[in-house]
Protein backbone atom coordinates (compact mmCIF):
# COMPACT_ATOMS: atom_id res chain seq x y z
CA MET A 1 0.00 0.00 0.00
CA PRO A 2 1.55 3.38 -0.98
CA LEU A 3 2.18 5.92 1.72
CA ALA A 4 0.63 9.33 1.99
CA ALA A 5 2.64 12.35 0.92
CA PRO A 6 4.97 13.82 3.57
CA PHE A 7 3.19 15.80 6.26
CA ARG A 8 3.46 19.54 5.80
CA PHE A 9 4.66 20.91 9.09
CA SER A 10 4.38 24.45 7.73
CA ALA A 11 0.63 24.33 8.26
CA LEU A 12 1.15 23.90 11.99
CA ILE A 13 4.51 25.40 12.83
CA LEU A 14 4.89 28.22 10.35
CA CYS A 15 1.40 29.68 10.46
CA GLY A 16 1.68 33.39 11.01
CA LEU A 17 5.03 33.46 9.20
CA PRO A 18 3.94 33.60 5.54
CA GLY A 19 7.41 34.19 4.15
CA LEU A 20 8.92 31.17 5.87
CA ALA A 21 5.91 29.04 5.05
CA ALA A 22 6.16 29.91 1.38
CA ALA A 23 9.86 29.14 1.31
CA TYR A 24 9.23 25.75 2.92
CA ASP A 25 6.39 24.86 0.57
CA ASN A 26 8.51 25.68 -2.45
CA ALA A 27 11.45 23.56 -1.32
CA ALA A 28 11.96 20.41 -3.36
CA VAL A 29 11.66 17.50 -0.92
CA PRO A 30 11.68 14.14 -2.71
CA ASP A 31 8.59 12.06 -1.99
CA THR A 32 10.47 8.80 -1.50
CA LEU A 33 10.64 6.14 1.18
CA GLU A 34 14.35 6.89 1.62
CA GLN A 35 13.48 10.48 2.51
CA ARG A 36 10.86 9.40 5.03
CA ILE A 37 13.17 6.98 6.82
CA ALA A 38 16.00 9.51 7.14
CA ALA A 39 15.46 9.50 10.90
CA CYS A 40 15.95 5.71 11.02
CA ILE A 41 19.21 5.92 9.08
CA ALA A 42 20.47 8.80 11.23
CA CYS A 43 20.71 6.47 14.23
CA HIS A 44 21.08 2.98 12.83
CA ALA A 45 23.76 3.91 10.31
CA PRO A 46 24.95 6.65 8.05
CA LYS A 47 23.81 4.36 5.24
CA ASP A 48 21.44 1.45 4.83
CA GLY A 49 20.93 0.43 8.45
CA ALA A 50 24.31 -1.18 9.00
CA GLY A 51 24.38 -0.32 12.70
CA THR A 52 26.53 2.22 14.49
CA THR A 53 27.61 3.68 17.80
CA ALA A 54 26.77 7.35 18.22
CA GLY A 55 27.42 9.33 21.38
CA GLY A 56 28.21 6.17 23.30
CA VAL A 57 24.86 4.58 22.39
CA TYR A 58 24.80 1.45 20.25
CA PHE A 59 22.19 1.23 17.51
CA PRO A 60 21.97 -2.33 16.14
CA ARG A 61 22.30 -3.37 12.55
CA ILE A 62 18.85 -3.69 11.02
CA ALA A 63 19.97 -4.18 7.43
CA GLY A 64 19.33 -7.63 6.04
CA LYS A 65 17.18 -8.87 8.90
CA PRO A 66 13.94 -10.61 7.90
CA ALA A 67 11.17 -8.15 7.11
CA GLY A 68 8.73 -9.90 9.43
CA TYR A 69 11.14 -9.56 12.34
CA LEU A 70 11.72 -5.85 11.70
CA TYR A 71 7.99 -5.26 11.39
CA ASN A 72 7.34 -7.10 14.67
CA GLN A 73 9.89 -4.92 16.47
CA LEU A 74 8.40 -1.70 15.11
CA VAL A 75 4.97 -2.83 16.29
CA ASN A 76 6.41 -3.85 19.66
CA PHE A 77 7.90 -0.39 20.15
CA ARG A 78 4.64 1.21 19.07
CA ASP A 79 2.50 -0.99 21.32
CA GLY A 80 4.75 -0.91 24.39
CA ARG A 81 6.25 -4.41 24.34
CA ARG A 82 9.71 -2.91 23.84
CA GLN A 83 10.94 0.15 25.70
CA TYR A 84 13.05 2.86 24.10
CA PRO A 85 11.51 6.34 24.25
CA LEU A 86 12.91 7.60 20.95
CA MET A 87 11.69 4.58 19.01
CA THR A 88 8.29 4.71 20.69
CA TRP A 89 7.95 8.40 19.88
CA MET A 90 8.87 7.82 16.23
CA VAL A 91 6.42 4.99 15.54
CA THR A 92 3.51 5.81 17.87
CA HIS A 93 1.33 7.25 15.11
CA LEU A 94 2.54 5.18 12.16
CA PRO A 95 0.05 2.76 10.60
CA ASP A 96 0.84 -0.86 9.85
CA PRO A 97 1.30 -0.39 6.07
CA TYR A 98 3.98 2.23 6.73
CA LEU A 99 5.79 -0.10 9.15
CA VAL A 100 5.62 -2.90 6.58
CA GLU A 101 7.31 -0.66 4.00
CA ILE A 102 10.04 0.40 6.42
CA ALA A 103 10.73 -3.22 7.35
CA GLY A 104 10.81 -4.29 3.73
CA TYR A 105 13.27 -1.55 2.80
CA PHE A 106 15.83 -2.43 5.44
CA SER A 107 15.48 -6.18 4.94
CA ASN A 108 16.68 -5.69 1.36
CA GLN A 109 19.83 -3.75 2.31
CA HIS A 110 23.09 -5.68 2.58
CA PRO A 111 25.99 -3.30 3.31
CA PRO A 112 29.45 -4.69 4.13
CA VAL A 113 29.84 -6.42 7.47
CA PRO A 114 32.81 -5.41 9.68
CA ALA A 115 35.16 -7.99 11.16
CA PRO A 116 34.33 -9.03 14.74
CA ALA A 117 36.34 -7.82 17.72
CA ALA A 118 38.82 -10.27 19.19
CA PRO A 119 37.37 -12.15 22.18
CA THR A 120 38.57 -11.12 25.63
CA VAL A 121 37.25 -14.08 27.62
CA PRO A 122 38.93 -17.41 28.49
CA PRO A 123 38.65 -20.30 26.01
CA SER A 124 36.44 -22.19 28.46
CA VAL A 125 33.83 -19.44 28.26
CA LEU A 126 33.88 -19.53 24.47
CA GLU A 127 33.54 -23.31 24.53
CA ARG A 128 30.48 -23.08 26.77
CA GLY A 129 28.99 -20.43 24.52
CA GLN A 130 29.56 -22.51 21.40
CA ARG A 131 27.98 -25.54 23.05
CA LEU A 132 24.86 -23.58 24.01
CA VAL A 133 24.56 -22.03 20.56
CA ARG A 134 25.18 -25.27 18.66
CA GLN A 135 23.71 -27.90 21.01
CA GLY A 136 21.71 -26.16 23.72
CA ASP A 137 21.49 -27.60 27.24
CA PRO A 138 18.88 -30.31 27.82
CA ALA A 139 19.34 -30.09 31.59
CA LEU A 140 18.26 -26.44 31.50
CA LYS A 141 15.61 -27.13 28.84
CA VAL A 142 17.35 -24.61 26.61
CA PRO A 143 17.36 -25.44 22.88
CA ALA A 144 20.29 -24.69 20.63
CA CYS A 145 20.25 -21.19 19.17
CA ILE A 146 20.69 -22.64 15.69
CA ALA A 147 17.45 -24.60 16.07
CA CYS A 148 15.53 -21.33 15.69
CA HIS A 149 17.97 -18.80 14.25
CA GLY A 150 19.29 -21.02 11.47
CA GLN A 151 22.36 -23.21 11.00
CA GLN A 152 24.31 -20.16 9.81
CA LEU A 153 22.85 -17.94 12.54
CA ALA A 154 21.72 -15.54 9.81
CA GLY A 155 18.04 -15.75 10.76
CA VAL A 156 15.07 -17.40 9.11
CA ALA A 157 12.33 -15.71 7.09
CA PRO A 158 9.88 -14.31 7.78
CA ALA A 159 10.44 -13.32 11.41
CA ILE A 160 13.52 -14.84 13.11
CA PRO A 161 16.56 -12.52 13.28
CA GLY A 162 20.21 -13.33 12.71
CA LEU A 163 22.54 -13.30 15.71
CA LEU A 164 25.87 -12.36 14.14
CA ASN A 165 27.52 -8.93 14.05
CA LEU A 166 26.10 -7.88 17.41
CA PRO A 167 28.32 -6.65 20.29
CA ARG A 168 28.47 -8.64 23.51
CA ASP A 169 27.00 -5.82 25.55
CA TYR A 170 23.99 -5.53 23.25
CA VAL A 171 23.23 -9.26 23.41
CA ASN A 172 23.64 -9.24 27.20
CA ALA A 173 21.30 -6.26 27.48
CA GLN A 174 18.60 -7.96 25.41
CA PHE A 175 18.72 -11.09 27.58
CA GLY A 176 18.44 -8.84 30.63
CA ALA A 177 15.48 -7.01 29.11
CA TRP A 178 13.65 -10.28 28.44
CA ARG A 179 14.42 -11.57 31.90
CA ASN A 180 13.19 -8.36 33.54
CA LYS A 181 10.07 -8.14 31.32
CA VAL A 182 11.23 -4.84 29.83
CA ARG A 183 11.30 -6.45 26.40
CA ARG A 184 8.33 -8.61 25.49
CA ALA A 185 6.91 -10.29 22.43
CA HIS A 186 3.68 -11.97 21.43
CA ALA A 187 2.80 -14.85 23.76
CA PRO A 188 4.16 -17.40 24.15
CA ASP A 189 7.31 -15.31 24.53
CA CYS A 190 9.96 -17.91 23.76
CA MET A 191 12.98 -15.68 24.35
CA ALA A 192 11.68 -14.60 27.76
CA THR A 193 11.35 -18.26 28.69
CA ILE A 194 14.89 -19.04 27.55
CA ALA A 195 16.28 -15.97 29.34
CA GLU A 196 14.71 -17.15 32.60
CA ARG A 197 16.36 -20.57 32.27
CA LEU A 198 19.85 -19.25 31.57
CA GLY A 199 22.12 -18.00 34.34
CA PRO A 200 24.28 -14.86 33.93
CA GLY A 201 27.36 -16.96 33.17
CA ASP A 202 25.65 -18.78 30.33
CA VAL A 203 24.32 -15.55 28.87
CA ALA A 204 27.84 -14.10 28.99
CA ALA A 205 29.21 -17.21 27.28
CA ILE A 206 26.65 -17.04 24.48
CA SER A 207 27.20 -13.34 23.86
CA ALA A 208 30.99 -13.72 23.90
CA TRP A 209 30.97 -16.56 21.39
CA LEU A 210 28.46 -14.90 19.07
CA ALA A 211 30.32 -11.58 19.10
CA ALA A 212 33.55 -13.36 18.07
CA GLN A 213 32.06 -15.01 14.97
CA PRO A 214 32.69 -13.52 11.52
CA THR A 215 29.71 -12.88 9.30
CA PRO A 216 30.05 -14.28 5.77
CA PRO A 217 29.62 -11.49 3.20
CA ASP A 218 26.84 -13.45 1.49
CA ALA A 219 24.98 -14.31 4.71
CA ARG A 220 21.22 -14.14 4.21
CA PRO A 221 18.25 -15.37 6.27
CA ALA A 222 17.20 -18.90 5.43
CA GLU A 223 13.98 -19.10 3.45
CA ARG A 224 12.30 -21.47 5.89
CA LEU A 225 12.81 -23.58 8.97
CA THR A 226 13.97 -27.11 8.23
CA ALA A 227 12.34 -28.55 11.37
CA PRO A 228 9.62 -27.51 13.82
CA LEU A 229 10.64 -24.97 16.42
CA PRO A 230 11.85 -26.64 19.64
CA ILE A 231 9.87 -24.16 21.74
CA ALA A 232 6.57 -22.39 21.11
CA CYS A 233 7.14 -18.84 19.90
CA GLY A 234 4.30 -16.36 19.37
CA SER A 235 6.35 -14.08 17.10
CA VAL A 236 6.83 -16.75 14.45
CA PRO A 237 3.87 -17.68 12.26
């Protein structure tokens, strides 16, 4: 569904200032999706949603993630299941078709992926992280990350994100948000369940191992799951 033309702020802000209003109305502003998502790009990357750190705040890479996942997150911010004031403010009044277009745009961007930072944890921590990611832990009733996020950890269409090219601190923070109910998803909230079953040491091991893995330049979300999900997840159709 096409979007409406850009909102003319001059009607609200510049009333009573005819000269400024006329100058604004005559300015050539391209009516494109890229123009409308300029605010998204300003934080998430100078170009194409590749992720960036600005002013000490990390903004995750959104480029190349499945469109369904990006759409779900935009809706979650809008509807209060995720908490970040700037994101909530930006999407509060946006309709679903607009969010679908935004998600579709970024899912089709594939800018270069930087090399991962060298790990700073002992080999035993990395080994534990790899085991949890690749095999899970039956004693904790925690499935392997690859069982949901794909064998290549690049995500699965339409709604499961990739896990590579994310800093340790960001992954740790998301586990903490799920555990503390600050971040939520459609019930049954599978990640909240997993976060509750993992101790801080296991979360740190997972994040350390993931952050140390290189991302292949041709990494793309898998087209479909090859087996049923090992845990019920309300965000995945």
